[in-house]
């Protein structure tokens, strides 16, 4: 695994048949890959879904920011469920 404090890495993705690039830190690329595996979709499909969600926002962030926000929100929701499950076990 790449150290968490690493400069962003630019990679190409394809959204709706159009190529674009996103610069994310390796930690976020790892998280995005893992999320795509869990959801059973290619990374391009997951990025396209995040892109579709972000453009519906009143003030849409850039695509890289939207990916980071989506990943952190997913992580936070997962931790909340685990904490709730742990609290019931006491």
PDB file of N, CA and C in Angstrom:
ATOM      1  N   UNK A   1       0.853  -1.183   0.000  1.00  0.00           N
ATOM      2  CA  UNK A   1       0.000   0.000   0.000  1.00  0.00           C
ATOM      3  C   UNK A   1       0.898   1.246   0.000  1.00  0.00           C
ATOM      4  N   UNK A   2       0.488   2.238  -0.733  1.00  0.00           N
ATOM      5  CA  UNK A   2       1.230   3.493  -0.822  1.00  0.00           C
ATOM      6  C   UNK A   2       1.045   4.284   0.476  1.00  0.00           C
ATOM      7  N   UNK A   3       2.088   4.958   0.946  1.00  0.00           N
ATOM      8  CA  UNK A   3       1.933   5.785   2.153  1.00  0.00           C
ATOM      9  C   UNK A   3       0.804   6.805   1.967  1.00  0.00           C
ATOM     10  N   UNK A   4       0.077   7.130   3.049  1.00  0.00           N
ATOM     11  CA  UNK A   4      -1.080   8.025   2.910  1.00  0.00           C
ATOM     12  C   UNK A   4      -0.726   9.436   2.450  1.00  0.00           C
ATOM     13  N   UNK A   5       0.471   9.918   2.780  1.00  0.00           N
ATOM     14  CA  UNK A   5       0.846  11.277   2.381  1.00  0.00           C
ATOM     15  C   UNK A   5       1.671  11.210   1.112  1.00  0.00           C
ATOM     16  N   UNK A   6       0.952  11.154   0.016  1.00  0.00           N
ATOM     17  CA  UNK A   6       1.578  11.016  -1.299  1.00  0.00           C
ATOM     18  C   UNK A   6       0.878  11.997  -2.226  1.00  0.00           C
ATOM     19  N   UNK A   7       1.604  12.642  -3.109  1.00  0.00           N
ATOM     20  CA  UNK A   7       0.958  13.584  -4.029  1.00  0.00           C
ATOM     21  C   UNK A   7      -0.096  12.892  -4.902  1.00  0.00           C
ATOM     22  N   UNK A   8      -1.043  13.653  -5.402  1.00  0.00           N
ATOM     23  CA  UNK A   8      -2.065  13.076  -6.281  1.00  0.00           C
ATOM     24  C   UNK A   8      -1.445  12.434  -7.523  1.00  0.00           C
ATOM     25  N   UNK A   9      -2.143  11.420  -8.009  1.00  0.00           N
ATOM     26  CA  UNK A   9      -1.744  10.696  -9.214  1.00  0.00           C
ATOM     27  C   UNK A   9      -2.874  10.874 -10.226  1.00  0.00           C
ATOM     28  N   UNK A  10      -2.523  11.288 -11.439  1.00  0.00           N
ATOM     29  CA  UNK A  10      -3.525  11.511 -12.486  1.00  0.00           C
ATOM     30  C   UNK A  10      -3.756  10.208 -13.247  1.00  0.00           C
ATOM     31  N   UNK A  11      -5.032   9.843 -13.386  1.00  0.00           N
ATOM     32  CA  UNK A  11      -5.401   8.659 -14.166  1.00  0.00           C
ATOM     33  C   UNK A  11      -6.574   9.007 -15.072  1.00  0.00           C
ATOM     34  N   UNK A  12      -6.641   8.296 -16.183  1.00  0.00           N
ATOM     35  CA  UNK A  12      -7.739   8.507 -17.128  1.00  0.00           C
ATOM     36  C   UNK A  12      -8.927   7.625 -16.764  1.00  0.00           C
ATOM     37  N   UNK A  13     -10.106   8.186 -16.932  1.00  0.00           N
ATOM     38  CA  UNK A  13     -11.352   7.442 -16.775  1.00  0.00           C
ATOM     39  C   UNK A  13     -12.246   7.802 -17.962  1.00  0.00           C
ATOM     40  N   UNK A  14     -13.230   6.976 -18.171  1.00  0.00           N
ATOM     41  CA  UNK A  14     -14.173   7.242 -19.264  1.00  0.00           C
ATOM     42  C   UNK A  14     -15.568   7.348 -18.675  1.00  0.00           C
ATOM     43  N   UNK A  15     -16.226   8.467 -18.972  1.00  0.00           N
ATOM     44  CA  UNK A  15     -17.579   8.718 -18.491  1.00  0.00           C
ATOM     45  C   UNK A  15     -18.469   8.965 -19.700  1.00  0.00           C
ATOM     46  N   UNK A  16     -19.470   8.123 -19.865  1.00  0.00           N
ATOM     47  CA  UNK A  16     -20.410   8.252 -20.987  1.00  0.00           C
ATOM     48  C   UNK A  16     -19.682   8.373 -22.321  1.00  0.00           C
ATOM     49  N   UNK A  17     -18.652   7.562 -22.503  1.00  0.00           N
ATOM     50  CA  UNK A  17     -17.923   7.545 -23.764  1.00  0.00           C
ATOM     51  C   UNK A  17     -16.892   8.643 -23.936  1.00  0.00           C
ATOM     52  N   UNK A  18     -16.746   9.495 -22.923  1.00  0.00           N
ATOM     53  CA  UNK A  18     -15.775  10.590 -23.001  1.00  0.00           C
ATOM     54  C   UNK A  18     -14.656  10.357 -22.007  1.00  0.00           C
ATOM     55  N   UNK A  19     -13.417  10.478 -22.499  1.00  0.00           N
ATOM     56  CA  UNK A  19     -12.270  10.313 -21.607  1.00  0.00           C
ATOM     57  C   UNK A  19     -11.992  11.611 -20.877  1.00  0.00           C
ATOM     58  N   UNK A  20     -11.661  11.468 -19.608  1.00  0.00           N
ATOM     59  CA  UNK A  20     -11.237  12.596 -18.788  1.00  0.00           C
ATOM     60  C   UNK A  20     -10.196  12.065 -17.818  1.00  0.00           C
ATOM     61  N   UNK A  21      -9.567  12.947 -17.098  1.00  0.00           N
ATOM     62  CA  UNK A  21      -8.598  12.478 -16.116  1.00  0.00           C
ATOM     63  C   UNK A  21      -8.950  13.048 -14.753  1.00  0.00           C
ATOM     64  N   UNK A  22      -8.579  12.295 -13.733  1.00  0.00           N
ATOM     65  CA  UNK A  22      -8.818  12.698 -12.349  1.00  0.00           C
ATOM     66  C   UNK A  22      -7.499  12.554 -11.608  1.00  0.00           C
ATOM     67  N   UNK A  23      -7.198  13.535 -10.791  1.00  0.00           N
ATOM     68  CA  UNK A  23      -6.015  13.462  -9.934  1.00  0.00           C
ATOM     69  C   UNK A  23      -6.473  13.204  -8.501  1.00  0.00           C
ATOM     70  N   UNK A  24      -6.105  12.038  -7.994  1.00  0.00           N
ATOM     71  CA  UNK A  24      -6.427  11.659  -6.619  1.00  0.00           C
ATOM     72  C   UNK A  24      -5.176  11.110  -5.950  1.00  0.00           C
ATOM     73  N   UNK A  25      -5.106  11.265  -4.657  1.00  0.00           N
ATOM     74  CA  UNK A  25      -4.031  10.648  -3.906  1.00  0.00           C
ATOM     75  C   UNK A  25      -4.201   9.132  -3.986  1.00  0.00           C
ATOM     76  N   UNK A  26      -3.086   8.384  -3.945  1.00  0.00           N
ATOM     77  CA  UNK A  26      -3.171   6.925  -4.056  1.00  0.00           C
ATOM     78  C   UNK A  26      -4.133   6.285  -3.053  1.00  0.00           C
ATOM     79  N   UNK A  27      -4.221   6.835  -1.861  1.00  0.00           N
ATOM     80  CA  UNK A  27      -5.157   6.306  -0.866  1.00  0.00           C
ATOM     81  C   UNK A  27      -6.586   6.331  -1.413  1.00  0.00           C
ATOM     82  N   UNK A  28      -6.970   7.422  -2.070  1.00  0.00           N
ATOM     83  CA  UNK A  28      -8.316   7.521  -2.636  1.00  0.00           C
ATOM     84  C   UNK A  28      -8.488   6.602  -3.842  1.00  0.00           C
ATOM     85  N   UNK A  29      -7.440   6.429  -4.646  1.00  0.00           N
ATOM     86  CA  UNK A  29      -7.528   5.462  -5.751  1.00  0.00           C
ATOM     87  C   UNK A  29      -7.764   4.066  -5.202  1.00  0.00           C
ATOM     88  N   UNK A  30      -7.058   3.712  -4.114  1.00  0.00           N
ATOM     89  CA  UNK A  30      -7.247   2.393  -3.486  1.00  0.00           C
ATOM     90  C   UNK A  30      -8.677   2.236  -2.974  1.00  0.00           C
ATOM     91  N   UNK A  31      -9.179   3.280  -2.312  1.00  0.00           N
ATOM     92  CA  UNK A  31     -10.543   3.233  -1.782  1.00  0.00           C
ATOM     93  C   UNK A  31     -11.573   3.126  -2.907  1.00  0.00           C
ATOM     94  N   UNK A  32     -11.335   3.850  -3.997  1.00  0.00           N
ATOM     95  CA  UNK A  32     -12.251   3.812  -5.135  1.00  0.00           C
ATOM     96  C   UNK A  32     -12.265   2.426  -5.772  1.00  0.00           C
ATOM     97  N   UNK A  33     -11.092   1.842  -5.941  1.00  0.00           N
ATOM     98  CA  UNK A  33     -10.999   0.489  -6.491  1.00  0.00           C
ATOM     99  C   UNK A  33     -11.743  -0.506  -5.598  1.00  0.00           C
ATOM    100  N   UNK A  34     -11.527  -0.415  -4.289  1.00  0.00           N
ATOM    101  CA  UNK A  34     -12.194  -1.318  -3.356  1.00  0.00           C
ATOM    102  C   UNK A  34     -13.710  -1.145  -3.398  1.00  0.00           C
ATOM    103  N   UNK A  35     -14.178   0.102  -3.465  1.00  0.00           N
ATOM    104  CA  UNK A  35     -15.624   0.363  -3.535  1.00  0.00           C
ATOM    105  C   UNK A  35     -16.215  -0.218  -4.811  1.00  0.00           C
ATOM    106  N   UNK A  36     -15.485  -0.102  -5.919  1.00  0.00           N
ATOM    107  CA  UNK A  36     -15.964  -0.658  -7.189  1.00  0.00           C
ATOM    108  C   UNK A  36     -16.065  -2.188  -7.100  1.00  0.00           C
ATOM    109  N   UNK A  37     -15.082  -2.805  -6.465  1.00  0.00           N
ATOM    110  CA  UNK A  37     -15.109  -4.265  -6.296  1.00  0.00           C
ATOM    111  C   UNK A  37     -16.312  -4.670  -5.448  1.00  0.00           C
ATOM    112  N   UNK A  38     -16.519  -3.990  -4.330  1.00  0.00           N
ATOM    113  CA  UNK A  38     -17.641  -4.298  -3.440  1.00  0.00           C
ATOM    114  C   UNK A  38     -18.971  -4.146  -4.173  1.00  0.00           C
ATOM    115  N   UNK A  39     -19.084  -3.116  -5.001  1.00  0.00           N
ATOM    116  CA  UNK A  39     -20.331  -2.873  -5.722  1.00  0.00           C
ATOM    117  C   UNK A  39     -20.443  -3.693  -7.004  1.00  0.00           C
ATOM    118  N   UNK A  40     -19.353  -4.368  -7.368  1.00  0.00           N
ATOM    119  CA  UNK A  40     -19.384  -5.230  -8.548  1.00  0.00           C
ATOM    120  C   UNK A  40     -19.472  -4.475  -9.864  1.00  0.00           C
ATOM    121  N   UNK A  41     -18.840  -3.297  -9.904  1.00  0.00           N
ATOM    122  CA  UNK A  41     -18.860  -2.493 -11.128  1.00  0.00           C
ATOM    123  C   UNK A  41     -17.443  -2.047 -11.452  1.00  0.00           C
ATOM    124  N   UNK A  42     -17.162  -1.733 -12.714  1.00  0.00           N
ATOM    125  CA  UNK A  42     -15.852  -1.171 -13.059  1.00  0.00           C
ATOM    126  C   UNK A  42     -15.693   0.222 -12.446  1.00  0.00           C
ATOM    127  N   UNK A  43     -14.453   0.631 -12.239  1.00  0.00           N
ATOM    128  CA  UNK A  43     -14.182   1.969 -11.690  1.00  0.00           C
ATOM    129  C   UNK A  43     -14.837   3.046 -12.550  1.00  0.00           C
ATOM    130  N   UNK A  44     -14.762   2.908 -13.881  1.00  0.00           N
ATOM    131  CA  UNK A  44     -15.382   3.914 -14.763  1.00  0.00           C
ATOM    132  C   UNK A  44     -16.874   4.063 -14.486  1.00  0.00           C
ATOM    133  N   UNK A  45     -17.561   2.948 -14.253  1.00  0.00           N
ATOM    134  CA  UNK A  45     -19.002   2.997 -13.985  1.00  0.00           C
ATOM    135  C   UNK A  45     -19.283   3.690 -12.657  1.00  0.00           C
ATOM    136  N   UNK A  46     -18.462   3.402 -11.656  1.00  0.00           N
ATOM    137  CA  UNK A  46     -18.649   4.038 -10.359  1.00  0.00           C
ATOM    138  C   UNK A  46     -18.374   5.539 -10.451  1.00  0.00           C
ATOM    139  N   UNK A  47     -17.319   5.919 -11.151  1.00  0.00           N
ATOM    140  CA  UNK A  47     -17.012   7.348 -11.327  1.00  0.00           C
ATOM    141  C   UNK A  47     -18.140   8.032 -12.099  1.00  0.00           C
ATOM    142  N   UNK A  48     -18.702   7.364 -13.093  1.00  0.00           N
ATOM    143  CA  UNK A  48     -19.812   7.943 -13.860  1.00  0.00           C
ATOM    144  C   UNK A  48     -21.020   8.178 -12.955  1.00  0.00           C
ATOM    145  N   UNK A  49     -21.281   7.244 -12.049  1.00  0.00           N
ATOM    146  CA  UNK A  49     -22.402   7.397 -11.123  1.00  0.00           C
ATOM    147  C   UNK A  49     -22.162   8.565 -10.163  1.00  0.00           C
ATOM    148  N   UNK A  50     -20.937   8.666  -9.648  1.00  0.00           N
ATOM    149  CA  UNK A  50     -20.595   9.779  -8.763  1.00  0.00           C
ATOM    150  C   UNK A  50     -20.728  11.102  -9.525  1.00  0.00           C
ATOM    151  N   UNK A  51     -20.285  11.112 -10.783  1.00  0.00           N
ATOM    152  CA  UNK A  51     -20.381  12.312 -11.616  1.00  0.00           C
ATOM    153  C   UNK A  51     -21.837  12.719 -11.810  1.00  0.00           C
ATOM    154  N   UNK A  52     -22.703  11.749 -12.078  1.00  0.00           N
ATOM    155  CA  UNK A  52     -24.128  12.050 -12.268  1.00  0.00           C
ATOM    156  C   UNK A  52     -24.737  12.623 -10.992  1.00  0.00           C
ATOM    157  N   UNK A  53     -24.333  12.087  -9.841  1.00  0.00           N
ATOM    158  CA  UNK A  53     -24.843  12.600  -8.562  1.00  0.00           C
ATOM    159  C   UNK A  53     -24.349  14.021  -8.304  1.00  0.00           C
ATOM    160  N   UNK A  54     -23.073  14.272  -8.604  1.00  0.00           N
ATOM    161  CA  UNK A  54     -22.494  15.583  -8.277  1.00  0.00           C
ATOM    162  C   UNK A  54     -23.102  16.694  -9.121  1.00  0.00           C
ATOM    163  N   UNK A  55     -23.419  16.419 -10.394  1.00  0.00           N
ATOM    164  CA  UNK A  55     -23.943  17.493 -11.246  1.00  0.00           C
ATOM    165  C   UNK A  55     -25.370  17.883 -10.865  1.00  0.00           C
ATOM    166  N   UNK A  56     -26.026  17.058 -10.037  1.00  0.00           N
ATOM    167  CA  UNK A  56     -27.365  17.414  -9.550  1.00  0.00           C
ATOM    168  C   UNK A  56     -27.292  18.386  -8.371  1.00  0.00           C
ATOM    169  N   UNK A  57     -26.099  18.567  -7.821  1.00  0.00           N
ATOM    170  CA  UNK A  57     -25.907  19.450  -6.670  1.00  0.00           C
ATOM    171  C   UNK A  57     -26.114  20.907  -7.073  1.00  0.00           C
ATOM    172  N   UNK A  58     -26.583  21.712  -6.118  1.00  0.00           N
ATOM    173  CA  UNK A  58     -26.766  23.145  -6.385  1.00  0.00           C
ATOM    174  C   UNK A  58     -25.453  23.806  -6.780  1.00  0.00           C
ATOM    175  N   UNK A  59     -24.383  23.448  -6.089  1.00  0.00           N
ATOM    176  CA  UNK A  59     -23.047  23.970  -6.404  1.00  0.00           C
ATOM    177  C   UNK A  59     -22.127  22.758  -6.524  1.00  0.00           C
ATOM    178  N   UNK A  60     -22.082  22.142  -7.729  1.00  0.00           N
ATOM    179  CA  UNK A  60     -21.308  20.915  -7.877  1.00  0.00           C
ATOM    180  C   UNK A  60     -19.809  21.127  -7.666  1.00  0.00           C
ATOM    181  N   UNK A  61     -19.206  20.230  -6.879  1.00  0.00           N
ATOM    182  CA  UNK A  61     -17.745  20.292  -6.744  1.00  0.00           C
ATOM    183  C   UNK A  61     -17.105  19.745  -8.010  1.00  0.00           C
ATOM    184  N   UNK A  62     -15.797  19.885  -8.129  1.00  0.00           N
ATOM    185  CA  UNK A  62     -15.080  19.250  -9.224  1.00  0.00           C
ATOM    186  C   UNK A  62     -15.192  17.736  -9.075  1.00  0.00           C
ATOM    187  N   UNK A  63     -14.906  17.017 -10.144  1.00  0.00           N
ATOM    188  CA  UNK A  63     -15.057  15.568 -10.127  1.00  0.00           C
ATOM    189  C   UNK A  63     -14.166  14.906  -9.081  1.00  0.00           C
ATOM    190  N   UNK A  64     -12.901  15.310  -8.990  1.00  0.00           N
ATOM    191  CA  UNK A  64     -12.001  14.708  -7.997  1.00  0.00           C
ATOM    192  C   UNK A  64     -12.525  14.953  -6.578  1.00  0.00           C
ATOM    193  N   UNK A  65     -12.986  16.168  -6.319  1.00  0.00           N
ATOM    194  CA  UNK A  65     -13.552  16.474  -5.007  1.00  0.00           C
ATOM    195  C   UNK A  65     -14.793  15.650  -4.726  1.00  0.00           C
ATOM    196  N   UNK A  66     -15.631  15.471  -5.745  1.00  0.00           N
ATOM    197  CA  UNK A  66     -16.845  14.673  -5.579  1.00  0.00           C
ATOM    198  C   UNK A  66     -16.499  13.220  -5.254  1.00  0.00           C
ATOM    199  N   UNK A  67     -15.469  12.685  -5.910  1.00  0.00           N
ATOM    200  CA  UNK A  67     -15.050  11.310  -5.627  1.00  0.00           C
ATOM    201  C   UNK A  67     -14.580  11.212  -4.183  1.00  0.00           C
ATOM    202  N   UNK A  68     -13.760  12.150  -3.743  1.00  0.00           N
ATOM    203  CA  UNK A  68     -13.273  12.129  -2.353  1.00  0.00           C
ATOM    204  C   UNK A  68     -14.434  12.220  -1.370  1.00  0.00           C
ATOM    205  N   UNK A  69     -15.367  13.142  -1.616  1.00  0.00           N
ATOM    206  CA  UNK A  69     -16.522  13.315  -0.724  1.00  0.00           C
ATOM    207  C   UNK A  69     -17.352  12.042  -0.683  1.00  0.00           C
ATOM    208  N   UNK A  70     -17.607  11.441  -1.851  1.00  0.00           N
ATOM    209  CA  UNK A  70     -18.399  10.212  -1.920  1.00  0.00           C
ATOM    210  C   UNK A  70     -17.738   9.104  -1.111  1.00  0.00           C
ATOM    211  N   UNK A  71     -16.421   8.957  -1.263  1.00  0.00           N
ATOM    212  CA  UNK A  71     -15.696   7.909  -0.548  1.00  0.00           C
ATOM    213  C   UNK A  71     -15.718   8.138   0.960  1.00  0.00           C
ATOM    214  N   UNK A  72     -15.498   9.360   1.395  1.00  0.00           N
ATOM    215  CA  UNK A  72     -15.495   9.650   2.829  1.00  0.00           C
ATOM    216  C   UNK A  72     -16.899   9.475   3.408  1.00  0.00           C
ATOM    217  N   UNK A  73     -17.926   9.894   2.678  1.00  0.00           N
ATOM    218  CA  UNK A  73     -19.305   9.716   3.147  1.00  0.00           C
ATOM    219  C   UNK A  73     -19.631   8.228   3.280  1.00  0.00           C
ATOM    220  N   UNK A  74     -19.175   7.425   2.321  1.00  0.00           N
ATOM    221  CA  UNK A  74     -19.402   5.974   2.371  1.00  0.00           C
ATOM    222  C   UNK A  74     -18.688   5.379   3.572  1.00  0.00           C
ATOM    223  N   UNK A  75     -17.459   5.806   3.803  1.00  0.00           N
ATOM    224  CA  UNK A  75     -16.683   5.333   4.942  1.00  0.00           C
ATOM    225  C   UNK A  75     -17.361   5.728   6.256  1.00  0.00           C
ATOM    226  N   UNK A  76     -17.796   6.974   6.361  1.00  0.00           N
ATOM    227  CA  UNK A  76     -18.448   7.451   7.581  1.00  0.00           C
ATOM    228  C   UNK A  76     -19.744   6.688   7.843  1.00  0.00           C
ATOM    229  N   UNK A  77     -20.509   6.412   6.809  1.00  0.00           N
ATOM    230  CA  UNK A  77     -21.754   5.660   6.976  1.00  0.00           C
ATOM    231  C   UNK A  77     -21.460   4.233   7.440  1.00  0.00           C
ATOM    232  N   UNK A  78     -20.405   3.645   6.918  1.00  0.00           N
ATOM    233  CA  UNK A  78     -20.025   2.291   7.328  1.00  0.00           C
ATOM    234  C   UNK A  78     -19.571   2.244   8.768  1.00  0.00           C
ATOM    235  N   UNK A  79     -18.818   3.251   9.200  1.00  0.00           N
ATOM    236  CA  UNK A  79     -18.365   3.292  10.593  1.00  0.00           C
ATOM    237  C   UNK A  79     -19.540   3.511  11.529  1.00  0.00           C
ATOM    238  N   UNK A  80     -20.507   4.328  11.103  1.00  0.00           N
ATOM    239  CA  UNK A  80     -21.668   4.570  11.943  1.00  0.00           C
ATOM    240  C   UNK A  80     -22.447   3.282  12.162  1.00  0.00           C
ATOM    241  N   UNK A  81     -22.604   2.452  11.114  1.00  0.00           N
ATOM    242  CA  UNK A  81     -23.343   1.203  11.265  1.00  0.00           C
ATOM    243  C   UNK A  81     -22.595   0.250  12.185  1.00  0.00           C
ATOM    244  N   UNK A  82     -21.265   0.201  12.045  1.00  0.00           N
ATOM    245  CA  UNK A  82     -20.479  -0.688  12.895  1.00  0.00           C
ATOM    246  C   UNK A  82     -20.555  -0.244  14.347  1.00  0.00           C
ATOM    247  N   UNK A  83     -20.519   1.070  14.601  1.00  0.00           N
ATOM    248  CA  UNK A  83     -20.607   1.569  15.962  1.00  0.00           C
ATOM    249  C   UNK A  83     -21.967   1.232  16.552  1.00  0.00           C
ATOM    250  N   UNK A  84     -23.029   1.380  15.754  1.00  0.00           N
ATOM    251  CA  UNK A  84     -24.371   1.066  16.232  1.00  0.00           C
ATOM    252  C   UNK A  84     -24.485  -0.424  16.561  1.00  0.00           C
ATOM    253  N   UNK A  85     -23.906  -1.269  15.713  1.00  0.00           N
ATOM    254  CA  UNK A  85     -23.961  -2.709  15.960  1.00  0.00           C
ATOM    255  C   UNK A  85     -23.174  -3.057  17.214  1.00  0.00           C
ATOM    256  N   UNK A  86     -22.038  -2.405  17.420  1.00  0.00           N
ATOM    257  CA  UNK A  86     -21.221  -2.658  18.605  1.00  0.00           C
ATOM    258  C   UNK A  86     -21.912  -2.185  19.873  1.00  0.00           C
ATOM    259  N   UNK A  87     -22.644  -1.076  19.795  1.00  0.00           N
ATOM    260  CA  UNK A  87     -23.325  -0.537  20.975  1.00  0.00           C
ATOM    261  C   UNK A  87     -24.414  -1.487  21.446  1.00  0.00           C
ATOM    262  N   UNK A  88     -25.065  -2.182  20.522  1.00  0.00           N
ATOM    263  CA  UNK A  88     -26.134  -3.118  20.889  1.00  0.00           C
ATOM    264  C   UNK A  88     -25.594  -4.387  21.525  1.00  0.00           C
ATOM    265  N   UNK A  89     -24.317  -4.674  21.325  1.00  0.00           N
ATOM    266  CA  UNK A  89     -23.729  -5.912  21.834  1.00  0.00           C
ATOM    267  C   UNK A  89     -23.302  -5.789  23.292  1.00  0.00           C
ATOM    268  N   UNK A  90     -23.296  -4.583  23.862  1.00  0.00           N
ATOM    269  CA  UNK A  90     -22.807  -4.393  25.229  1.00  0.00           C
ATOM    270  C   UNK A  90     -23.742  -4.934  26.260  1.00  0.00           C
TER     271      UNK A  90
END
